[in-house]
Amino acid sequence: MAGDRAGRRLGAGDLGGPLGERATLVQFSSAFCQPCRATRRILADVAALVPGVAHVEIDAEGALGLVRDLGVERTPTVLVLDREGRVVRRAAGQPRKADVIAALGEAL
């Protein structure tokens, strides 16, 4: 998972739901994206495994302003946010569970 622009913060209004107590996994998906389904399962598993971590899935087509703001070019794109909503890691494509857990280390 690659780094992202320093200082960018997202809140509940951007995400359509609350941030996790410790970190948030944000997934941008589209309706017909096969890797998005697998990514959803991976992120949900990690969120269930790590206390205080939330998983939020955003329909990229329904949030075009946010997609443009964040430079999301493909789905799935995953952002790891710290407790303040700062983007600490970013990846495009289906991540491996181990990579997601490692990326969470920067947010916790």
C-alpha atoms as a PDB file:
ATOM      1  CA  MET A   1       0.000   0.000   0.000  1.00  0.00           C
ATOM      2  CA  ALA A   2       1.432   3.350  -1.009  1.00  0.00           C
ATOM      3  CA  GLY A   3       1.468   6.590   0.978  1.00  0.00           C
ATOM      4  CA  ASP A   4      -0.869   9.504   0.300  1.00  0.00           C
ATOM      5  CA  ARG A   5      -0.955  13.293   0.431  1.00  0.00           C
ATOM      6  CA  ALA A   6      -0.103  14.471   3.929  1.00  0.00           C
ATOM      7  CA  GLY A   7      -2.761  16.360   5.826  1.00  0.00           C
ATOM      8  CA  ARG A   8      -5.857  15.227   3.891  1.00  0.00           C
ATOM      9  CA  ARG A   9      -8.641  14.468   6.372  1.00  0.00           C
ATOM     10  CA  LEU A  10     -12.013  12.861   5.879  1.00  0.00           C
ATOM     11  CA  GLY A  11     -14.937  12.993   8.277  1.00  0.00           C
ATOM     12  CA  ALA A  12     -18.293  11.328   8.778  1.00  0.00           C
ATOM     13  CA  GLY A  13     -19.867  13.751   6.281  1.00  0.00           C
ATOM     14  CA  ASP A  14     -17.439  12.632   3.563  1.00  0.00           C
ATOM     15  CA  LEU A  15     -17.853   8.950   4.360  1.00  0.00           C
ATOM     16  CA  GLY A  16     -21.576   8.798   5.036  1.00  0.00           C
ATOM     17  CA  GLY A  17     -20.902   7.169   8.396  1.00  0.00           C
ATOM     18  CA  PRO A  18     -18.785   7.466  11.528  1.00  0.00           C
ATOM     19  CA  LEU A  19     -15.033   6.965  11.664  1.00  0.00           C
ATOM     20  CA  GLY A  20     -13.669   4.007  13.583  1.00  0.00           C
ATOM     21  CA  GLU A  21     -12.428   4.677  17.129  1.00  0.00           C
ATOM     22  CA  ARG A  22      -8.845   3.813  16.159  1.00  0.00           C
ATOM     23  CA  ALA A  23      -8.794   3.671  12.349  1.00  0.00           C
ATOM     24  CA  THR A  24     -11.050   3.445   9.294  1.00  0.00           C
ATOM     25  CA  LEU A  25     -10.688   1.381   6.118  1.00  0.00           C
ATOM     26  CA  VAL A  26     -12.378   3.238   3.253  1.00  0.00           C
ATOM     27  CA  GLN A  27     -13.137   1.284   0.090  1.00  0.00           C
ATOM     28  CA  PHE A  28     -14.187   2.914  -3.178  1.00  0.00           C
ATOM     29  CA  SER A  29     -16.134   0.376  -5.247  1.00  0.00           C
ATOM     30  CA  SER A  30     -18.269   0.157  -8.372  1.00  0.00           C
ATOM     31  CA  ALA A  31     -21.242  -2.079  -9.122  1.00  0.00           C
ATOM     32  CA  PHE A  32     -19.651  -4.511 -11.571  1.00  0.00           C
ATOM     33  CA  CYS A  33     -16.182  -4.696 -10.037  1.00  0.00           C
ATOM     34  CA  GLN A  34     -15.246  -8.314  -9.238  1.00  0.00           C
ATOM     35  CA  PRO A  35     -12.138  -7.415  -7.162  1.00  0.00           C
ATOM     36  CA  CYS A  36     -14.350  -5.049  -5.120  1.00  0.00           C
ATOM     37  CA  ARG A  37     -16.317  -8.016  -3.748  1.00  0.00           C
ATOM     38  CA  ALA A  38     -13.161  -9.796  -2.593  1.00  0.00           C
ATOM     39  CA  THR A  39     -11.803  -6.525  -1.177  1.00  0.00           C
ATOM     40  CA  ARG A  40     -15.047  -6.026   0.768  1.00  0.00           C
ATOM     41  CA  ARG A  41     -14.594  -9.436   2.422  1.00  0.00           C
ATOM     42  CA  ILE A  42     -10.919  -8.797   3.226  1.00  0.00           C
ATOM     43  CA  LEU A  43     -11.566  -5.373   4.772  1.00  0.00           C
ATOM     44  CA  ALA A  44     -14.597  -6.607   6.728  1.00  0.00           C
ATOM     45  CA  ASP A  45     -12.491  -9.481   8.106  1.00  0.00           C
ATOM     46  CA  VAL A  46      -9.707  -7.105   9.168  1.00  0.00           C
ATOM     47  CA  ALA A  47     -12.190  -4.656  10.738  1.00  0.00           C
ATOM     48  CA  ALA A  48     -13.741  -7.542  12.711  1.00  0.00           C
ATOM     49  CA  LEU A  49     -10.291  -8.750  13.785  1.00  0.00           C
ATOM     50  CA  VAL A  50      -8.874  -5.407  14.987  1.00  0.00           C
ATOM     51  CA  PRO A  51     -10.839  -3.616  17.752  1.00  0.00           C
ATOM     52  CA  GLY A  52     -11.770   0.003  16.993  1.00  0.00           C
ATOM     53  CA  VAL A  53     -11.371  -0.336  13.208  1.00  0.00           C
ATOM     54  CA  ALA A  54     -14.323   0.433  10.921  1.00  0.00           C
ATOM     55  CA  HIS A  55     -14.837  -0.498   7.272  1.00  0.00           C
ATOM     56  CA  VAL A  56     -16.740   1.968   5.078  1.00  0.00           C
ATOM     57  CA  GLU A  57     -17.567   1.202   1.458  1.00  0.00           C
ATOM     58  CA  ILE A  58     -18.340   4.082  -0.902  1.00  0.00           C
ATOM     59  CA  ASP A  59     -19.961   3.730  -4.322  1.00  0.00           C
ATOM     60  CA  ALA A  60     -17.524   5.609  -6.559  1.00  0.00           C
ATOM     61  CA  GLU A  61     -20.238   6.528  -9.065  1.00  0.00           C
ATOM     62  CA  GLY A  62     -22.381   8.049  -6.313  1.00  0.00           C
ATOM     63  CA  ALA A  63     -19.550  10.120  -4.836  1.00  0.00           C
ATOM     64  CA  LEU A  64     -17.879  11.639  -7.894  1.00  0.00           C
ATOM     65  CA  GLY A  65     -16.868  14.833  -6.090  1.00  0.00           C
ATOM     66  CA  LEU A  66     -15.004  12.888  -3.413  1.00  0.00           C
ATOM     67  CA  VAL A  67     -13.519  10.563  -6.045  1.00  0.00           C
ATOM     68  CA  ARG A  68     -12.141  13.562  -7.942  1.00  0.00           C
ATOM     69  CA  ASP A  69     -10.920  15.254  -4.757  1.00  0.00           C
ATOM     70  CA  LEU A  70      -8.978  12.163  -3.741  1.00  0.00           C
ATOM     71  CA  GLY A  71      -7.753  11.268  -7.225  1.00  0.00           C
ATOM     72  CA  VAL A  72      -9.399   7.827  -7.222  1.00  0.00           C
ATOM     73  CA  GLU A  73      -8.833   6.461 -10.717  1.00  0.00           C
ATOM     74  CA  ARG A  74      -9.927   2.844 -10.374  1.00  0.00           C
ATOM     75  CA  THR A  75     -11.888   0.498  -8.166  1.00  0.00           C
ATOM     76  CA  PRO A  76     -11.248  -0.873  -5.728  1.00  0.00           C
ATOM     77  CA  THR A  77      -9.204   1.859  -4.111  1.00  0.00           C
ATOM     78  CA  VAL A  78      -8.597   1.535  -0.372  1.00  0.00           C
ATOM     79  CA  LEU A  79      -7.666   4.344   2.003  1.00  0.00           C
ATOM     80  CA  VAL A  80      -6.487   3.773   5.561  1.00  0.00           C
ATOM     81  CA  LEU A  81      -7.452   6.627   7.877  1.00  0.00           C
ATOM     82  CA  ASP A  82      -6.166   7.242  11.391  1.00  0.00           C
ATOM     83  CA  ARG A  83      -8.531   8.089  14.256  1.00  0.00           C
ATOM     84  CA  GLU A  84      -8.574  11.769  13.157  1.00  0.00           C
ATOM     85  CA  GLY A  85      -9.581  10.862   9.583  1.00  0.00           C
ATOM     86  CA  ARG A  86      -6.154  11.574   8.059  1.00  0.00           C
ATOM     87  CA  VAL A  87      -5.254   9.460   5.047  1.00  0.00           C
ATOM     88  CA  VAL A  88      -2.130   7.529   6.077  1.00  0.00           C
ATOM     89  CA  ARG A  89      -2.056   4.834   3.344  1.00  0.00           C
ATOM     90  CA  ARG A  90      -3.634   4.235  -0.033  1.00  0.00           C
ATOM     91  CA  ALA A  91      -3.764   1.365  -2.520  1.00  0.00           C
ATOM     92  CA  ALA A  92      -5.520   0.633  -5.799  1.00  0.00           C
ATOM     93  CA  GLY A  93      -6.532  -2.895  -6.703  1.00  0.00           C
ATOM     94  CA  GLN A  94      -7.371  -5.840  -4.487  1.00  0.00           C
ATOM     95  CA  PRO A  95      -5.124  -5.801  -1.409  1.00  0.00           C
ATOM     96  CA  ARG A  96      -3.798  -8.810   0.462  1.00  0.00           C
ATOM     97  CA  LYS A  97      -5.064  -9.200   4.022  1.00  0.00           C
ATOM     98  CA  ALA A  98      -1.500  -9.087   5.394  1.00  0.00           C
ATOM     99  CA  ASP A  99      -0.852  -5.787   3.589  1.00  0.00           C
ATOM    100  CA  VAL A 100      -4.016  -4.245   5.052  1.00  0.00           C
ATOM    101  CA  ILE A 101      -3.024  -5.318   8.560  1.00  0.00           C
ATOM    102  CA  ALA A 102       0.485  -3.917   8.045  1.00  0.00           C
ATOM    103  CA  ALA A 103      -0.910  -0.610   6.722  1.00  0.00           C
ATOM    104  CA  LEU A 104      -3.151  -0.331   9.782  1.00  0.00           C
ATOM    105  CA  GLY A 105       0.024  -0.253  11.868  1.00  0.00           C
ATOM    106  CA  GLU A 106       0.667   3.274  10.593  1.00  0.00           C
ATOM    107  CA  ALA A 107      -2.793   4.434  11.586  1.00  0.00           C
ATOM    108  CA  LEU A 108      -2.933   2.895  15.076  1.00  0.00           C
END
